Amino acid sequence: MRDLLKLPKPKVPPEQADALISNRIKLGRRAMVQPYERDSSGAEHRYELWDSENRDFLCQLFDTEEVALEYDVVANYRYSEPPPSEARDQELKDRFELKIKWFKELARRISHHFSKMD
């Protein structure tokens, strides 16, 4: 069954992996929701920082880059609207939400897959 899921084993127990992933989600939500800003450049910077840290986190959590490469594909697009605009702000929020959703799914996959193996 492991071959079907193509999920490498985390370097930490599933419960600890879940807690670490939950922390990445919390940091993303915090970065996404900030007091009103005149333009989206601050939020874009927070997104880029959080996104970069996520990739490093995944490379440290697993023995291979496989999961980090999967993460890289999620919401990896350029903005269609010039700054500042409501559409661009929504695109940025959507990028945060898609990656947060991906992290939730990763936690579920780890929990489900590795609890069945014990």
Protein backbone atom coordinates (compact mmCIF):
# COMPACT_ATOMS: atom_id res chain seq x y z
CA MET A 1 0.00 0.00 0.00
CA ARG A 2 2.90 2.38 0.68
CA ASP A 3 3.83 2.34 -3.01
CA LEU A 4 0.34 3.54 -3.91
CA LEU A 5 0.54 6.55 -1.60
CA LYS A 6 4.14 7.39 -2.52
CA LEU A 7 4.72 8.96 0.86
CA PRO A 8 8.17 8.68 2.40
CA LYS A 9 8.30 8.05 6.11
CA PRO A 10 8.83 11.19 8.19
CA LYS A 11 11.94 11.39 10.38
CA VAL A 12 9.70 11.87 13.44
CA PRO A 13 6.71 9.91 14.79
CA PRO A 14 3.36 10.67 13.08
CA GLU A 15 2.04 12.52 16.15
CA GLN A 16 5.05 14.84 16.18
CA ALA A 17 4.80 15.34 12.41
CA ASP A 18 1.15 16.34 12.88
CA ALA A 19 2.09 18.89 15.55
CA LEU A 20 4.86 20.34 13.36
CA ILE A 21 2.52 20.58 10.36
CA SER A 22 -0.16 22.22 12.53
CA ASN A 23 2.40 24.83 13.50
CA ARG A 24 3.19 25.57 9.82
CA ILE A 25 -0.56 26.02 9.22
CA LYS A 26 -0.86 28.42 12.18
CA LEU A 27 2.10 30.44 10.92
CA GLY A 28 0.50 30.62 7.47
CA ARG A 29 -2.83 31.79 8.85
CA ARG A 30 -1.05 34.42 10.95
CA ALA A 31 0.93 35.64 7.94
CA MET A 32 -2.21 35.78 5.81
CA VAL A 33 -4.33 37.75 8.28
CA GLN A 34 -2.71 41.06 9.12
CA PRO A 35 -4.09 44.49 9.89
CA TYR A 36 -5.12 46.56 6.89
CA GLU A 37 -2.23 47.36 4.58
CA ARG A 38 -2.16 50.05 1.94
CA ASP A 39 -0.91 47.57 -0.67
CA SER A 40 -0.24 43.86 -0.83
CA SER A 41 3.56 44.03 -0.84
CA GLY A 42 3.82 43.23 2.89
CA ALA A 43 1.52 40.23 2.54
CA GLU A 44 3.42 39.08 -0.55
CA HIS A 45 6.68 39.25 1.39
CA ARG A 46 5.16 37.27 4.30
CA TYR A 47 3.84 34.69 1.83
CA GLU A 48 7.22 34.29 0.12
CA LEU A 49 8.97 33.88 3.47
CA TRP A 50 6.42 31.37 4.80
CA ASP A 51 6.48 29.47 1.50
CA SER A 52 10.28 29.23 1.48
CA GLU A 53 10.33 28.09 5.11
CA ASN A 54 7.72 25.44 4.28
CA ARG A 55 9.95 23.92 1.61
CA ASP A 56 12.90 23.81 4.03
CA PHE A 57 10.63 22.32 6.70
CA LEU A 58 9.49 19.51 4.37
CA CYS A 59 13.07 18.71 3.35
CA GLN A 60 13.92 18.35 7.05
CA LEU A 61 10.79 16.37 7.92
CA PHE A 62 11.39 13.65 5.30
CA ASP A 63 14.46 11.75 4.09
CA THR A 64 13.85 12.78 0.48
CA GLU A 65 12.74 15.90 -1.39
CA GLU A 66 9.74 14.04 -2.83
CA VAL A 67 7.15 15.75 -0.60
CA ALA A 68 8.81 19.17 -1.00
CA LEU A 69 8.59 18.77 -4.78
CA GLU A 70 4.90 17.93 -4.46
CA TYR A 71 4.45 21.05 -2.31
CA ASP A 72 6.20 23.20 -4.94
CA VAL A 73 3.47 22.40 -7.47
CA VAL A 74 0.65 23.68 -5.24
CA ALA A 75 -0.48 27.22 -6.10
CA ASN A 76 2.77 28.05 -7.84
CA TYR A 77 1.58 30.74 -10.22
CA ARG A 78 2.19 34.38 -11.04
CA TYR A 79 -0.24 37.19 -10.33
CA SER A 80 -2.60 38.17 -13.12
CA GLU A 81 -3.38 41.62 -11.77
CA PRO A 82 -1.01 44.55 -11.25
CA PRO A 83 -0.56 45.74 -7.65
CA PRO A 84 -2.46 46.97 -5.77
CA SER A 85 -5.82 45.47 -6.61
CA GLU A 86 -8.56 43.51 -4.90
CA ALA A 87 -8.11 40.69 -7.43
CA ARG A 88 -4.43 40.42 -6.62
CA ASP A 89 -5.15 40.43 -2.89
CA GLN A 90 -7.63 37.59 -3.44
CA GLU A 91 -5.08 35.63 -5.48
CA LEU A 92 -2.59 35.93 -2.64
CA LYS A 93 -5.18 34.79 -0.11
CA ASP A 94 -6.04 31.85 -2.39
CA ARG A 95 -2.36 30.84 -2.54
CA PHE A 96 -2.17 30.80 1.26
CA GLU A 97 -5.41 28.81 1.51
CA LEU A 98 -4.36 26.22 -1.09
CA LYS A 99 -1.07 25.53 0.68
CA ILE A 100 -2.77 25.40 4.08
CA LYS A 101 -5.25 22.90 2.65
CA TRP A 102 -2.35 20.88 1.21
CA PHE A 103 -0.67 20.78 4.64
CA LYS A 104 -3.91 19.54 6.24
CA GLU A 105 -4.10 16.77 3.64
CA LEU A 106 -0.43 15.87 4.24
CA ALA A 107 -1.11 15.49 7.97
CA ARG A 108 -4.08 13.27 7.19
CA ARG A 109 -2.01 11.15 4.81
CA ILE A 110 0.77 10.70 7.37
CA SER A 111 -1.67 9.83 10.15
CA HIS A 112 -3.67 7.41 8.04
CA HIS A 113 -0.75 5.74 6.30
CA PHE A 114 1.65 5.28 9.19
CA SER A 115 -0.96 4.34 11.79
CA LYS A 116 -1.92 1.40 9.51
CA MET A 117 1.71 0.25 9.36
CA ASP A 118 2.28 -0.02 13.13
